[in-house]
């Protein structure tokens, strides 16, 4: 029972925090410089979450890591096509192929 209380309380706190910013930005004029800076928050957070998982997926660096070249291939596909779908459709098979190659070379 206490686990559910914690989950519900965390959900309410999370919702209240996010909703307060939505409600606040609807009523308060934000300086253009701050608004421009806030555009970079989402990419910075995404990079902070994904880069360590790509560079050191098990928590330690591995020179045979197939994630790095697959991420580069997917990034090039995203850059060239400007499409998330194309990035996934090119990057994921590249990851699978690279992982297969690494497994084949290691054995």
Protein backbone atom coordinates (compact mmCIF):
# COMPACT_ATOMS: atom_id res chain seq x y z
CA UNK A 1 0.00 0.00 0.00
CA UNK A 2 2.77 2.46 0.83
CA UNK A 3 4.37 1.84 -2.57
CA UNK A 4 1.18 2.99 -4.29
CA UNK A 5 1.02 6.08 -2.09
CA UNK A 6 4.57 6.97 -3.15
CA UNK A 7 3.77 6.34 -6.83
CA UNK A 8 0.61 8.46 -6.72
CA UNK A 9 2.36 11.24 -4.76
CA UNK A 10 5.25 11.28 -7.24
CA UNK A 11 2.78 11.42 -10.13
CA UNK A 12 0.88 14.31 -8.58
CA UNK A 13 4.11 16.19 -7.85
CA UNK A 14 5.37 15.61 -11.40
CA UNK A 15 2.07 16.76 -12.92
CA UNK A 16 1.93 19.84 -10.67
CA UNK A 17 5.47 20.86 -11.56
CA UNK A 18 4.90 20.51 -15.30
CA UNK A 19 1.46 22.11 -15.23
CA UNK A 20 2.75 25.10 -13.25
CA UNK A 21 5.22 25.93 -16.02
CA UNK A 22 2.53 25.57 -18.69
CA UNK A 23 0.14 27.78 -16.75
CA UNK A 24 2.90 30.28 -15.91
CA UNK A 25 4.11 30.68 -19.49
CA UNK A 26 0.54 31.25 -20.62
CA UNK A 27 0.15 34.29 -18.34
CA UNK A 28 3.62 35.78 -17.92
CA UNK A 29 5.68 37.49 -20.59
CA UNK A 30 9.01 35.74 -20.83
CA UNK A 31 12.05 37.74 -21.96
CA UNK A 32 13.06 36.78 -25.50
CA UNK A 33 16.57 35.84 -24.36
CA UNK A 34 15.20 33.33 -21.82
CA UNK A 35 12.75 31.95 -24.36
CA UNK A 36 15.59 31.46 -26.84
CA UNK A 37 17.70 29.68 -24.19
CA UNK A 38 14.83 27.35 -23.26
CA UNK A 39 14.75 26.04 -26.85
CA UNK A 40 18.00 24.20 -26.14
CA UNK A 41 16.88 22.44 -22.94
CA UNK A 42 15.26 19.42 -24.61
CA UNK A 43 18.22 18.62 -26.93
CA UNK A 44 20.65 19.05 -24.03
CA UNK A 45 18.68 16.69 -21.81
CA UNK A 46 18.33 14.14 -24.61
CA UNK A 47 22.07 14.28 -25.27
CA UNK A 48 22.86 13.90 -21.57
CA UNK A 49 20.68 10.79 -21.42
CA UNK A 50 21.77 9.09 -24.64
CA UNK A 51 25.49 9.81 -25.02
CA UNK A 52 26.59 7.78 -21.95
CA UNK A 53 24.37 4.90 -23.07
CA UNK A 54 25.96 4.96 -26.54
CA UNK A 55 29.58 5.43 -25.46
CA UNK A 56 29.57 3.01 -22.50
CA UNK A 57 26.43 0.83 -22.67
CA UNK A 58 27.42 -1.46 -19.79
CA UNK A 59 28.87 1.31 -17.68
CA UNK A 60 32.38 0.71 -19.05
CA UNK A 61 33.99 1.61 -22.36
CA UNK A 62 34.31 -1.28 -24.81
CA UNK A 63 36.44 -0.85 -27.96
CA UNK A 64 34.16 -3.32 -29.77
CA UNK A 65 31.09 -1.18 -29.05
CA UNK A 66 28.78 -1.32 -32.08
CA UNK A 67 26.56 1.49 -30.77
CA UNK A 68 28.96 4.30 -31.69
CA UNK A 69 29.26 3.61 -35.44
CA UNK A 70 25.54 2.78 -35.62
CA UNK A 71 24.73 6.10 -33.91
CA UNK A 72 26.95 7.91 -36.40
CA UNK A 73 25.22 6.17 -39.32
CA UNK A 74 21.79 6.98 -37.88
CA UNK A 75 22.88 10.57 -37.25
CA UNK A 76 24.04 10.97 -40.83
CA UNK A 77 20.73 9.56 -42.05
CA UNK A 78 18.83 12.01 -39.83
CA UNK A 79 20.97 14.91 -41.01
CA UNK A 80 20.58 14.07 -44.70
CA UNK A 81 16.87 13.22 -44.69
CA UNK A 82 15.63 15.39 -41.78
CA UNK A 83 13.44 12.42 -40.83
CA UNK A 84 13.33 10.51 -37.56
CA UNK A 85 11.78 7.53 -39.32
CA UNK A 86 14.61 7.35 -41.85
CA UNK A 87 17.14 7.59 -39.04
CA UNK A 88 15.53 4.63 -37.29
CA UNK A 89 15.10 2.62 -40.49
CA UNK A 90 18.78 3.09 -41.37
CA UNK A 91 20.38 3.19 -37.91
CA UNK A 92 18.72 0.14 -36.37
CA UNK A 93 19.64 -2.32 -39.16
CA UNK A 94 23.14 -0.81 -39.08
CA UNK A 95 23.31 -1.58 -35.35
CA UNK A 96 22.11 -5.14 -35.92
CA UNK A 97 24.63 -5.67 -38.71
CA UNK A 98 27.48 -4.20 -36.67
CA UNK A 99 26.57 -6.29 -33.62
CA UNK A 100 26.50 -9.40 -35.81
CA UNK A 101 29.90 -8.50 -37.25
CA UNK A 102 31.37 -7.90 -33.77
CA UNK A 103 29.98 -11.22 -32.52
CA UNK A 104 31.33 -13.00 -35.58
CA UNK A 105 34.80 -11.46 -35.20
CA UNK A 106 34.96 -12.16 -31.45
CA UNK A 107 34.15 -15.86 -31.84
